[in-house]
Amino acid sequence: MSDYGTPPPPPPPPSAPGYNEGPVVGGTPPKNYLVFAILATIFCCLPPGIAAIVFATQVNSKWRAGDAAGAQASSAKAKQWTIITAIVGLVWGVIYFTLIYPAIKDSAGV
């Protein structure tokens, strides 16, 4: 037995990086527009909607990694692509119901 008593317990293991950690950057993360991107993709136009979803999903992961500027940029791009998706869908809808639908209706004899 030692003169110093029992040895102290070992320190706890460090937590795994990326798990159970809050944001490294203080404050709240920027808006990710994920719900709007998904709805615009489903109801408006698929190709630009996919880009909106990709950028929207990058916001929170970049924020947690401590990349505040990257999270802000992804948020802005997600918003931009969501708006583009909605506009393209609306323009396509107007073109369809003014030009294509009447032609289909007349050729069907309805």
PDB file of N, CA and C in Angstrom:
ATOM      1  N   MET A   1       0.834  -1.163   0.000  1.00  0.00           N
ATOM      2  CA  MET A   1       0.000   0.000   0.000  1.00  0.00           C
ATOM      3  C   MET A   1       0.889   1.240   0.000  1.00  0.00           C
ATOM      4  N   SER A   2       0.425   2.281  -0.609  1.00  0.00           N
ATOM      5  CA  SER A   2       1.186   3.511  -0.768  1.00  0.00           C
ATOM      6  C   SER A   2       0.900   4.473   0.381  1.00  0.00           C
ATOM      7  N   ASP A   3       1.805   5.420   0.592  1.00  0.00           N
ATOM      8  CA  ASP A   3       1.606   6.440   1.620  1.00  0.00           C
ATOM      9  C   ASP A   3       0.564   7.484   1.199  1.00  0.00           C
ATOM     10  N   TYR A   4       0.223   7.526  -0.061  1.00  0.00           N
ATOM     11  CA  TYR A   4      -0.682   8.552  -0.578  1.00  0.00           C
ATOM     12  C   TYR A   4      -2.134   8.082  -0.648  1.00  0.00           C
ATOM     13  N   GLY A   5      -2.458   6.921  -0.287  1.00  0.00           N
ATOM     14  CA  GLY A   5      -3.827   6.414  -0.339  1.00  0.00           C
ATOM     15  C   GLY A   5      -4.141   5.813  -1.701  1.00  0.00           C
ATOM     16  N   THR A   6      -5.384   5.745  -2.016  1.00  0.00           N
ATOM     17  CA  THR A   6      -5.805   5.153  -3.292  1.00  0.00           C
ATOM     18  C   THR A   6      -5.604   6.158  -4.421  1.00  0.00           C
ATOM     19  N   PRO A   7      -5.260   5.659  -5.588  1.00  0.00           N
ATOM     20  CA  PRO A   7      -5.067   6.576  -6.722  1.00  0.00           C
ATOM     21  C   PRO A   7      -6.414   7.166  -7.161  1.00  0.00           C
ATOM     22  N   PRO A   8      -6.388   8.368  -7.739  1.00  0.00           N
ATOM     23  CA  PRO A   8      -7.644   8.973  -8.205  1.00  0.00           C
ATOM     24  C   PRO A   8      -8.194   8.180  -9.391  1.00  0.00           C
ATOM     25  N   PRO A   9      -9.508   8.223  -9.593  1.00  0.00           N
ATOM     26  CA  PRO A   9     -10.076   7.511 -10.735  1.00  0.00           C
ATOM     27  C   PRO A   9      -9.639   8.167 -12.041  1.00  0.00           C
ATOM     28  N   PRO A  10      -9.586   7.386 -13.109  1.00  0.00           N
ATOM     29  CA  PRO A  10      -9.179   7.966 -14.401  1.00  0.00           C
ATOM     30  C   PRO A  10     -10.246   8.948 -14.888  1.00  0.00           C
ATOM     31  N   PRO A  11      -9.849   9.917 -15.697  1.00  0.00           N
ATOM     32  CA  PRO A  11     -10.835  10.875 -16.220  1.00  0.00           C
ATOM     33  C   PRO A  11     -11.780  10.177 -17.193  1.00  0.00           C
ATOM     34  N   PRO A  12     -12.998  10.713 -17.361  1.00  0.00           N
ATOM     35  CA  PRO A  12     -13.932  10.094 -18.297  1.00  0.00           C
ATOM     36  C   PRO A  12     -13.427  10.253 -19.726  1.00  0.00           C
ATOM     37  N   PRO A  13     -13.797   9.332 -20.600  1.00  0.00           N
ATOM     38  CA  PRO A  13     -13.350   9.452 -21.997  1.00  0.00           C
ATOM     39  C   PRO A  13     -13.991  10.670 -22.649  1.00  0.00           C
ATOM     40  N   PRO A  14     -13.289  11.271 -23.599  1.00  0.00           N
ATOM     41  CA  PRO A  14     -13.869  12.438 -24.279  1.00  0.00           C
ATOM     42  C   PRO A  14     -15.053  12.011 -25.151  1.00  0.00           C
ATOM     43  N   SER A  15     -15.990  12.924 -25.327  1.00  0.00           N
ATOM     44  CA  SER A  15     -17.147  12.602 -26.167  1.00  0.00           C
ATOM     45  C   SER A  15     -16.710  12.559 -27.627  1.00  0.00           C
ATOM     46  N   ALA A  16     -17.419  11.759 -28.381  1.00  0.00           N
ATOM     47  CA  ALA A  16     -17.116  11.638 -29.803  1.00  0.00           C
ATOM     48  C   ALA A  16     -17.476  12.949 -30.492  1.00  0.00           C
ATOM     49  N   PRO A  17     -16.643  13.408 -31.413  1.00  0.00           N
ATOM     50  CA  PRO A  17     -16.942  14.679 -32.071  1.00  0.00           C
ATOM     51  C   PRO A  17     -18.206  14.574 -32.914  1.00  0.00           C
ATOM     52  N   GLY A  18     -19.043  15.579 -32.818  1.00  0.00           N
ATOM     53  CA  GLY A  18     -20.259  15.625 -33.622  1.00  0.00           C
ATOM     54  C   GLY A  18     -21.470  15.017 -32.963  1.00  0.00           C
ATOM     55  N   TYR A  19     -21.310  14.367 -31.818  1.00  0.00           N
ATOM     56  CA  TYR A  19     -22.432  13.734 -31.150  1.00  0.00           C
ATOM     57  C   TYR A  19     -22.713  14.440 -29.833  1.00  0.00           C
ATOM     58  N   ASN A  20     -23.970  14.693 -29.593  1.00  0.00           N
ATOM     59  CA  ASN A  20     -24.427  15.306 -28.349  1.00  0.00           C
ATOM     60  C   ASN A  20     -23.726  16.618 -28.048  1.00  0.00           C
ATOM     61  N   GLU A  21     -23.384  17.330 -29.055  1.00  0.00           N
ATOM     62  CA  GLU A  21     -22.774  18.634 -28.865  1.00  0.00           C
ATOM     63  C   GLU A  21     -23.713  19.686 -29.410  1.00  0.00           C
ATOM     64  N   GLY A  22     -23.802  20.785 -28.735  1.00  0.00           N
ATOM     65  CA  GLY A  22     -24.594  21.900 -29.224  1.00  0.00           C
ATOM     66  C   GLY A  22     -23.838  22.624 -30.323  1.00  0.00           C
ATOM     67  N   PRO A  23     -24.421  23.675 -30.831  1.00  0.00           N
ATOM     68  CA  PRO A  23     -23.722  24.425 -31.866  1.00  0.00           C
ATOM     69  C   PRO A  23     -22.458  25.073 -31.326  1.00  0.00           C
ATOM     70  N   VAL A  24     -21.438  25.041 -32.129  1.00  0.00           N
ATOM     71  CA  VAL A  24     -20.166  25.651 -31.742  1.00  0.00           C
ATOM     72  C   VAL A  24     -20.306  27.165 -31.799  1.00  0.00           C
ATOM     73  N   VAL A  25     -21.099  27.639 -32.740  1.00  0.00           N
ATOM     74  CA  VAL A  25     -21.315  29.062 -32.919  1.00  0.00           C
ATOM     75  C   VAL A  25     -22.465  29.486 -32.013  1.00  0.00           C
ATOM     76  N   GLY A  26     -22.340  30.608 -31.338  1.00  0.00           N
ATOM     77  CA  GLY A  26     -23.403  31.078 -30.471  1.00  0.00           C
ATOM     78  C   GLY A  26     -24.592  31.587 -31.260  1.00  0.00           C
ATOM     79  N   GLY A  27     -25.742  31.645 -30.618  1.00  0.00           N
ATOM     80  CA  GLY A  27     -26.939  32.163 -31.270  1.00  0.00           C
ATOM     81  C   GLY A  27     -27.755  31.068 -31.916  1.00  0.00           C
ATOM     82  N   THR A  28     -28.701  31.481 -32.718  1.00  0.00           N
ATOM     83  CA  THR A  28     -29.570  30.525 -33.399  1.00  0.00           C
ATOM     84  C   THR A  28     -29.112  30.358 -34.841  1.00  0.00           C
ATOM     85  N   PRO A  29     -29.279  29.164 -35.383  1.00  0.00           N
ATOM     86  CA  PRO A  29     -28.868  28.947 -36.770  1.00  0.00           C
ATOM     87  C   PRO A  29     -29.782  29.691 -37.736  1.00  0.00           C
ATOM     88  N   PRO A  30     -29.311  29.968 -38.934  1.00  0.00           N
ATOM     89  CA  PRO A  30     -30.170  30.623 -39.920  1.00  0.00           C
ATOM     90  C   PRO A  30     -31.289  29.691 -40.364  1.00  0.00           C
ATOM     91  N   LYS A  31     -32.336  30.264 -40.905  1.00  0.00           N
ATOM     92  CA  LYS A  31     -33.487  29.492 -41.372  1.00  0.00           C
ATOM     93  C   LYS A  31     -33.048  28.596 -42.535  1.00  0.00           C
ATOM     94  N   ASN A  32     -33.530  27.354 -42.545  1.00  0.00           N
ATOM     95  CA  ASN A  32     -33.069  26.439 -43.590  1.00  0.00           C
ATOM     96  C   ASN A  32     -34.044  26.285 -44.756  1.00  0.00           C
ATOM     97  N   TYR A  33     -35.275  26.710 -44.644  1.00  0.00           N
ATOM     98  CA  TYR A  33     -36.272  26.686 -45.729  1.00  0.00           C
ATOM     99  C   TYR A  33     -36.550  25.280 -46.252  1.00  0.00           C
ATOM    100  N   LEU A  34     -36.329  24.256 -45.435  1.00  0.00           N
ATOM    101  CA  LEU A  34     -36.477  22.876 -45.909  1.00  0.00           C
ATOM    102  C   LEU A  34     -37.923  22.542 -46.243  1.00  0.00           C
ATOM    103  N   VAL A  35     -38.861  22.941 -45.415  1.00  0.00           N
ATOM    104  CA  VAL A  35     -40.275  22.632 -45.673  1.00  0.00           C
ATOM    105  C   VAL A  35     -40.725  23.288 -46.969  1.00  0.00           C
ATOM    106  N   PHE A  36     -40.364  24.557 -47.151  1.00  0.00           N
ATOM    107  CA  PHE A  36     -40.752  25.259 -48.371  1.00  0.00           C
ATOM    108  C   PHE A  36     -40.090  24.636 -49.607  1.00  0.00           C
ATOM    109  N   ALA A  37     -38.852  24.212 -49.460  1.00  0.00           N
ATOM    110  CA  ALA A  37     -38.149  23.588 -50.583  1.00  0.00           C
ATOM    111  C   ALA A  37     -38.819  22.275 -50.979  1.00  0.00           C
ATOM    112  N   ILE A  38     -39.218  21.489 -49.987  1.00  0.00           N
ATOM    113  CA  ILE A  38     -39.889  20.213 -50.285  1.00  0.00           C
ATOM    114  C   ILE A  38     -41.236  20.457 -50.947  1.00  0.00           C
ATOM    115  N   LEU A  39     -42.022  21.389 -50.414  1.00  0.00           N
ATOM    116  CA  LEU A  39     -43.330  21.672 -50.994  1.00  0.00           C
ATOM    117  C   LEU A  39     -43.202  22.230 -52.417  1.00  0.00           C
ATOM    118  N   ALA A  40     -42.252  23.121 -52.629  1.00  0.00           N
ATOM    119  CA  ALA A  40     -42.052  23.666 -53.972  1.00  0.00           C
ATOM    120  C   ALA A  40     -41.615  22.585 -54.947  1.00  0.00           C
ATOM    121  N   THR A  41     -40.810  21.639 -54.469  1.00  0.00           N
ATOM    122  CA  THR A  41     -40.362  20.546 -55.330  1.00  0.00           C
ATOM    123  C   THR A  41     -41.532  19.644 -55.709  1.00  0.00           C
ATOM    124  N   ILE A  42     -42.379  19.329 -54.750  1.00  0.00           N
ATOM    125  CA  ILE A  42     -43.511  18.431 -55.011  1.00  0.00           C
ATOM    126  C   ILE A  42     -44.546  19.093 -55.911  1.00  0.00           C
ATOM    127  N   PHE A  43     -44.887  20.348 -55.617  1.00  0.00           N
ATOM    128  CA  PHE A  43     -46.005  20.978 -56.310  1.00  0.00           C
ATOM    129  C   PHE A  43     -45.614  21.833 -57.503  1.00  0.00           C
ATOM    130  N   CYS A  44     -44.353  22.198 -57.649  1.00  0.00           N
ATOM    131  CA  CYS A  44     -43.998  23.134 -58.712  1.00  0.00           C
ATOM    132  C   CYS A  44     -43.078  22.533 -59.770  1.00  0.00           C
ATOM    133  N   CYS A  45     -41.831  22.302 -59.404  1.00  0.00           N
ATOM    134  CA  CYS A  45     -40.868  21.897 -60.423  1.00  0.00           C
ATOM    135  C   CYS A  45     -39.750  21.093 -59.778  1.00  0.00           C
ATOM    136  N   LEU A  46     -39.474  19.923 -60.300  1.00  0.00           N
ATOM    137  CA  LEU A  46     -38.538  19.011 -59.662  1.00  0.00           C
ATOM    138  C   LEU A  46     -37.063  19.417 -59.764  1.00  0.00           C
ATOM    139  N   PRO A  47     -36.486  19.712 -60.936  1.00  0.00           N
ATOM    140  CA  PRO A  47     -35.034  19.939 -60.995  1.00  0.00           C
ATOM    141  C   PRO A  47     -34.510  21.067 -60.103  1.00  0.00           C
ATOM    142  N   PRO A  48     -35.060  22.283 -60.168  1.00  0.00           N
ATOM    143  CA  PRO A  48     -34.519  23.299 -59.253  1.00  0.00           C
ATOM    144  C   PRO A  48     -34.910  23.030 -57.799  1.00  0.00           C
ATOM    145  N   GLY A  49     -35.986  22.298 -57.592  1.00  0.00           N
ATOM    146  CA  GLY A  49     -36.395  21.949 -56.234  1.00  0.00           C
ATOM    147  C   GLY A  49     -35.388  21.045 -55.550  1.00  0.00           C
ATOM    148  N   ILE A  50     -34.754  20.176 -56.304  1.00  0.00           N
ATOM    149  CA  ILE A  50     -33.727  19.302 -55.731  1.00  0.00           C
ATOM    150  C   ILE A  50     -32.551  20.138 -55.234  1.00  0.00           C
ATOM    151  N   ALA A  51     -32.160  21.148 -56.007  1.00  0.00           N
ATOM    152  CA  ALA A  51     -31.079  22.037 -55.568  1.00  0.00           C
ATOM    153  C   ALA A  51     -31.487  22.770 -54.287  1.00  0.00           C
ATOM    154  N   ALA A  52     -32.739  23.192 -54.202  1.00  0.00           N
ATOM    155  CA  ALA A  52     -33.219  23.871 -52.991  1.00  0.00           C
ATOM    156  C   ALA A  52     -33.154  22.947 -51.786  1.00  0.00           C
ATOM    157  N   ILE A  53     -33.533  21.694 -51.961  1.00  0.00           N
ATOM    158  CA  ILE A  53     -33.490  20.732 -50.853  1.00  0.00           C
ATOM    159  C   ILE A  53     -32.048  20.470 -50.421  1.00  0.00           C
ATOM    160  N   VAL A  54     -31.151  20.338 -51.372  1.00  0.00           N
ATOM    161  CA  VAL A  54     -29.740  20.084 -51.042  1.00  0.00           C
ATOM    162  C   VAL A  54     -29.167  21.225 -50.207  1.00  0.00           C
ATOM    163  N   PHE A  55     -29.396  22.462 -50.639  1.00  0.00           N
ATOM    164  CA  PHE A  55     -28.872  23.598 -49.880  1.00  0.00           C
ATOM    165  C   PHE A  55     -29.560  23.727 -48.527  1.00  0.00           C
ATOM    166  N   ALA A  56     -30.846  23.418 -48.464  1.00  0.00           N
ATOM    167  CA  ALA A  56     -31.568  23.515 -47.193  1.00  0.00           C
ATOM    168  C   ALA A  56     -31.044  22.511 -46.170  1.00  0.00           C
ATOM    169  N   THR A  57     -30.674  21.325 -46.637  1.00  0.00           N
ATOM    170  CA  THR A  57     -30.172  20.323 -45.699  1.00  0.00           C
ATOM    171  C   THR A  57     -28.743  20.623 -45.241  1.00  0.00           C
ATOM    172  N   GLN A  58     -28.024  21.469 -45.944  1.00  0.00           N
ATOM    173  CA  GLN A  58     -26.659  21.805 -45.558  1.00  0.00           C
ATOM    174  C   GLN A  58     -26.591  22.827 -44.428  1.00  0.00           C
ATOM    175  N   VAL A  59     -27.668  23.573 -44.203  1.00  0.00           N
ATOM    176  CA  VAL A  59     -27.624  24.687 -43.255  1.00  0.00           C
ATOM    177  C   VAL A  59     -27.292  24.221 -41.843  1.00  0.00           C
ATOM    178  N   ASN A  60     -28.068  23.281 -41.300  1.00  0.00           N
ATOM    179  CA  ASN A  60     -27.867  22.872 -39.907  1.00  0.00           C
ATOM    180  C   ASN A  60     -26.540  22.147 -39.704  1.00  0.00           C
ATOM    181  N   SER A  61     -26.124  21.327 -40.669  1.00  0.00           N
ATOM    182  CA  SER A  61     -24.862  20.611 -40.490  1.00  0.00           C
ATOM    183  C   SER A  61     -23.678  21.579 -40.523  1.00  0.00           C
ATOM    184  N   LYS A  62     -23.723  22.580 -41.370  1.00  0.00           N
ATOM    185  CA  LYS A  62     -22.648  23.570 -41.392  1.00  0.00           C
ATOM    186  C   LYS A  62     -22.647  24.393 -40.107  1.00  0.00           C
ATOM    187  N   TRP A  63     -23.829  24.696 -39.588  1.00  0.00           N
ATOM    188  CA  TRP A  63     -23.916  25.465 -38.349  1.00  0.00           C
ATOM    189  C   TRP A  63     -23.307  24.686 -37.186  1.00  0.00           C
ATOM    190  N   ARG A  64     -23.649  23.391 -37.099  1.00  0.00           N
ATOM    191  CA  ARG A  64     -23.108  22.565 -36.017  1.00  0.00           C
ATOM    192  C   ARG A  64     -21.601  22.387 -36.133  1.00  0.00           C
ATOM    193  N   ALA A  65     -21.089  22.434 -37.353  1.00  0.00           N
ATOM    194  CA  ALA A  65     -19.649  22.292 -37.554  1.00  0.00           C
ATOM    195  C   ALA A  65     -18.901  23.585 -37.251  1.00  0.00           C
ATOM    196  N   GLY A  66     -19.641  24.653 -36.980  1.00  0.00           N
ATOM    197  CA  GLY A  66     -19.002  25.921 -36.659  1.00  0.00           C
ATOM    198  C   GLY A  66     -18.794  26.826 -37.850  1.00  0.00           C
ATOM    199  N   ASP A  67     -19.333  26.449 -39.006  1.00  0.00           N
ATOM    200  CA  ASP A  67     -19.184  27.244 -40.220  1.00  0.00           C
ATOM    201  C   ASP A  67     -20.393  28.169 -40.364  1.00  0.00           C
ATOM    202  N   ALA A  68     -20.368  29.282 -39.637  1.00  0.00           N
ATOM    203  CA  ALA A  68     -21.503  30.207 -39.661  1.00  0.00           C
ATOM    204  C   ALA A  68     -21.670  30.852 -41.036  1.00  0.00           C
ATOM    205  N   ALA A  69     -20.575  31.207 -41.678  1.00  0.00           N
ATOM    206  CA  ALA A  69     -20.660  31.832 -43.004  1.00  0.00           C
ATOM    207  C   ALA A  69     -21.201  30.849 -44.030  1.00  0.00           C
ATOM    208  N   GLY A  70     -20.759  29.609 -43.955  1.00  0.00           N
ATOM    209  CA  GLY A  70     -21.271  28.589 -44.871  1.00  0.00           C
ATOM    210  C   GLY A  70     -22.750  28.315 -44.647  1.00  0.00           C
ATOM    211  N   ALA A  71     -23.179  28.325 -43.374  1.00  0.00           N
ATOM    212  CA  ALA A  71     -24.590  28.113 -43.068  1.00  0.00           C
ATOM    213  C   ALA A  71     -25.431  29.262 -43.612  1.00  0.00           C
ATOM    214  N   GLN A  72     -24.944  30.483 -43.472  1.00  0.00           N
ATOM    215  CA  GLN A  72     -25.652  31.648 -44.008  1.00  0.00           C
ATOM    216  C   GLN A  72     -25.740  31.564 -45.532  1.00  0.00           C
ATOM    217  N   ALA A  73     -24.647  31.174 -46.170  1.00  0.00           N
ATOM    218  CA  ALA A  73     -24.640  31.069 -47.631  1.00  0.00           C
ATOM    219  C   ALA A  73     -25.595  29.978 -48.104  1.00  0.00           C
ATOM    220  N   SER A  74     -25.598  28.833 -47.434  1.00  0.00           N
ATOM    221  CA  SER A  74     -26.512  27.752 -47.814  1.00  0.00           C
ATOM    222  C   SER A  74     -27.964  28.157 -47.593  1.00  0.00           C
ATOM    223  N   SER A  75     -28.228  28.916 -46.536  1.00  0.00           N
ATOM    224  CA  SER A  75     -29.576  29.400 -46.276  1.00  0.00           C
ATOM    225  C   SER A  75     -30.037  30.334 -47.392  1.00  0.00           C
ATOM    226  N   ALA A  76     -29.153  31.243 -47.795  1.00  0.00           N
ATOM    227  CA  ALA A  76     -29.501  32.171 -48.875  1.00  0.00           C
ATOM    228  C   ALA A  76     -29.730  31.433 -50.188  1.00  0.00           C
ATOM    229  N   LYS A  77     -28.897  30.432 -50.481  1.00  0.00           N
ATOM    230  CA  LYS A  77     -29.060  29.664 -51.711  1.00  0.00           C
ATOM    231  C   LYS A  77     -30.322  28.808 -51.665  1.00  0.00           C
ATOM    232  N   ALA A  78     -30.651  28.263 -50.499  1.00  0.00           N
ATOM    233  CA  ALA A  78     -31.880  27.476 -50.368  1.00  0.00           C
ATOM    234  C   ALA A  78     -33.098  28.357 -50.624  1.00  0.00           C
ATOM    235  N   LYS A  79     -33.089  29.561 -50.073  1.00  0.00           N
ATOM    236  CA  LYS A  79     -34.195  30.494 -50.302  1.00  0.00           C
ATOM    237  C   LYS A  79     -34.287  30.863 -51.779  1.00  0.00           C
ATOM    238  N   GLN A  80     -33.145  31.144 -52.378  1.00  0.00           N
ATOM    239  CA  GLN A  80     -33.110  31.524 -53.797  1.00  0.00           C
ATOM    240  C   GLN A  80     -33.658  30.403 -54.678  1.00  0.00           C
ATOM    241  N   TRP A  81     -33.207  29.171 -54.456  1.00  0.00           N
ATOM    242  CA  TRP A  81     -33.653  28.056 -55.285  1.00  0.00           C
ATOM    243  C   TRP A  81     -35.119  27.699 -55.021  1.00  0.00           C
ATOM    244  N   THR A  82     -35.593  27.919 -53.801  1.00  0.00           N
ATOM    245  CA  THR A  82     -37.006  27.687 -53.521  1.00  0.00           C
ATOM    246  C   THR A  82     -37.866  28.677 -54.289  1.00  0.00           C
ATOM    247  N   ILE A  83     -37.452  29.931 -54.322  1.00  0.00           N
ATOM    248  CA  ILE A  83     -38.200  30.945 -55.078  1.00  0.00           C
ATOM    249  C   ILE A  83     -38.156  30.640 -56.565  1.00  0.00           C
ATOM    250  N   ILE A  84     -36.991  30.260 -57.074  1.00  0.00           N
ATOM    251  CA  ILE A  84     -36.871  29.903 -58.491  1.00  0.00           C
ATOM    252  C   ILE A  84     -37.784  28.733 -58.825  1.00  0.00           C
ATOM    253  N   THR A  85     -37.834  27.732 -57.947  1.00  0.00           N
ATOM    254  CA  THR A  85     -38.682  26.568 -58.170  1.00  0.00           C
ATOM    255  C   THR A  85     -40.143  26.969 -58.244  1.00  0.00           C
ATOM    256  N   ALA A  86     -40.572  27.831 -57.336  1.00  0.00           N
ATOM    257  CA  ALA A  86     -41.969  28.270 -57.335  1.00  0.00           C
ATOM    258  C   ALA A  86     -42.300  29.075 -58.586  1.00  0.00           C
ATOM    259  N   ILE A  87     -41.391  29.946 -59.005  1.00  0.00           N
ATOM    260  CA  ILE A  87     -41.635  30.763 -60.200  1.00  0.00           C
ATOM    261  C   ILE A  87     -41.702  29.895 -61.448  1.00  0.00           C
ATOM    262  N   VAL A  88     -40.771  28.961 -61.579  1.00  0.00           N
ATOM    263  CA  VAL A  88     -40.781  28.071 -62.745  1.00  0.00           C
ATOM    264  C   VAL A  88     -42.072  27.253 -62.778  1.00  0.00           C
ATOM    265  N   GLY A  89     -42.509  26.769 -61.627  1.00  0.00           N
ATOM    266  CA  GLY A  89     -43.754  26.005 -61.568  1.00  0.00           C
ATOM    267  C   GLY A  89     -44.959  26.840 -61.950  1.00  0.00           C
ATOM    268  N   LEU A  90     -45.005  28.080 -61.473  1.00  0.00           N
ATOM    269  CA  LEU A  90     -46.123  28.956 -61.828  1.00  0.00           C
ATOM    270  C   LEU A  90     -46.119  29.308 -63.314  1.00  0.00           C
ATOM    271  N   VAL A  91     -44.948  29.612 -63.856  1.00  0.00           N
ATOM    272  CA  VAL A  91     -44.850  29.932 -65.286  1.00  0.00           C
ATOM    273  C   VAL A  91     -45.269  28.728 -66.118  1.00  0.00           C
ATOM    274  N   TRP A  92     -44.813  27.544 -65.734  1.00  0.00           N
ATOM    275  CA  TRP A  92     -45.195  26.336 -66.458  1.00  0.00           C
ATOM    276  C   TRP A  92     -46.707  26.114 -66.377  1.00  0.00           C
ATOM    277  N   GLY A  93     -47.302  26.355 -65.233  1.00  0.00           N
ATOM    278  CA  GLY A  93     -48.750  26.207 -65.074  1.00  0.00           C
ATOM    279  C   GLY A  93     -49.530  27.161 -65.955  1.00  0.00           C
ATOM    280  N   VAL A  94     -49.070  28.418 -66.024  1.00  0.00           N
ATOM    281  CA  VAL A  94     -49.738  29.403 -66.883  1.00  0.00           C
ATOM    282  C   VAL A  94     -49.612  29.001 -68.347  1.00  0.00           C
ATOM    283  N   ILE A  95     -48.429  28.586 -68.766  1.00  0.00           N
ATOM    284  CA  ILE A  95     -48.238  28.152 -70.152  1.00  0.00           C
ATOM    285  C   ILE A  95     -49.124  26.954 -70.462  1.00  0.00           C
ATOM    286  N   TYR A  96     -49.181  26.012 -69.543  1.00  0.00           N
ATOM    287  CA  TYR A  96     -49.979  24.810 -69.781  1.00  0.00           C
ATOM    288  C   TYR A  96     -51.450  25.150 -69.935  1.00  0.00           C
ATOM    289  N   PHE A  97     -51.998  25.950 -69.027  1.00  0.00           N
ATOM    290  CA  PHE A  97     -53.435  26.209 -69.073  1.00  0.00           C
ATOM    291  C   PHE A  97     -53.839  27.250 -70.105  1.00  0.00           C
ATOM    292  N   THR A  98     -52.904  28.008 -70.666  1.00  0.00           N
ATOM    293  CA  THR A  98     -53.263  28.953 -71.724  1.00  0.00           C
ATOM    294  C   THR A  98     -52.978  28.420 -73.120  1.00  0.00           C
ATOM    295  N   LEU A  99     -51.964  27.587 -73.273  1.00  0.00           N
ATOM    296  CA  LEU A  99     -51.595  27.129 -74.608  1.00  0.00           C
ATOM    297  C   LEU A  99     -51.856  25.645 -74.844  1.00  0.00           C
ATOM    298  N   ILE A 100     -51.430  24.812 -73.941  1.00  0.00           N
ATOM    299  CA  ILE A 100     -51.468  23.372 -74.178  1.00  0.00           C
ATOM    300  C   ILE A 100     -52.827  22.773 -73.859  1.00  0.00           C
ATOM    301  N   TYR A 101     -53.408  23.121 -72.727  1.00  0.00           N
ATOM    302  CA  TYR A 101     -54.678  22.528 -72.313  1.00  0.00           C
ATOM    303  C   TYR A 101     -55.806  22.810 -73.311  1.00  0.00           C
ATOM    304  N   PRO A 102     -55.957  24.036 -73.831  1.00  0.00           N
ATOM    305  CA  PRO A 102     -57.017  24.254 -74.829  1.00  0.00           C
ATOM    306  C   PRO A 102     -56.820  23.429 -76.103  1.00  0.00           C
ATOM    307  N   ALA A 103     -55.562  23.239 -76.520  1.00  0.00           N
ATOM    308  CA  ALA A 103     -55.301  22.434 -77.704  1.00  0.00           C
ATOM    309  C   ALA A 103     -55.666  20.982 -77.473  1.00  0.00           C
ATOM    310  N   ILE A 104     -55.348  20.469 -76.285  1.00  0.00           N
ATOM    311  CA  ILE A 104     -55.706  19.091 -75.950  1.00  0.00           C
ATOM    312  C   ILE A 104     -57.215  18.947 -75.853  1.00  0.00           C
ATOM    313  N   LYS A 105     -57.855  19.926 -75.257  1.00  0.00           N
ATOM    314  CA  LYS A 105     -59.314  19.895 -75.090  1.00  0.00           C
ATOM    315  C   LYS A 105     -60.016  19.912 -76.449  1.00  0.00           C
ATOM    316  N   ASP A 106     -59.540  20.753 -77.393  1.00  0.00           N
ATOM    317  CA  ASP A 106     -60.150  20.838 -78.715  1.00  0.00           C
ATOM    318  C   ASP A 106     -59.910  19.573 -79.529  1.00  0.00           C
ATOM    319  N   SER A 107     -58.734  18.988 -79.414  1.00  0.00           N
ATOM    320  CA  SER A 107     -58.450  17.786 -80.198  1.00  0.00           C
ATOM    321  C   SER A 107     -59.215  16.581 -79.679  1.00  0.00           C
ATOM    322  N   ALA A 108     -59.594  16.604 -78.410  1.00  0.00           N
ATOM    323  CA  ALA A 108     -60.364  15.504 -77.845  1.00  0.00           C
ATOM    324  C   ALA A 108     -61.842  15.631 -78.175  1.00  0.00           C
ATOM    325  N   GLY A 109     -62.265  16.809 -78.660  1.00  0.00           N
ATOM    326  CA  GLY A 109     -63.652  17.017 -79.005  1.00  0.00           C
ATOM    327  C   GLY A 109     -64.547  17.283 -77.798  1.00  0.00           C
ATOM    328  N   VAL A 110     -63.952  17.732 -76.738  1.00  0.00           N
ATOM    329  CA  VAL A 110     -64.732  17.997 -75.528  1.00  0.00           C
ATOM    330  C   VAL A 110     -65.210  19.409 -75.502  1.00  0.00           C
TER     331      VAL A 110
END
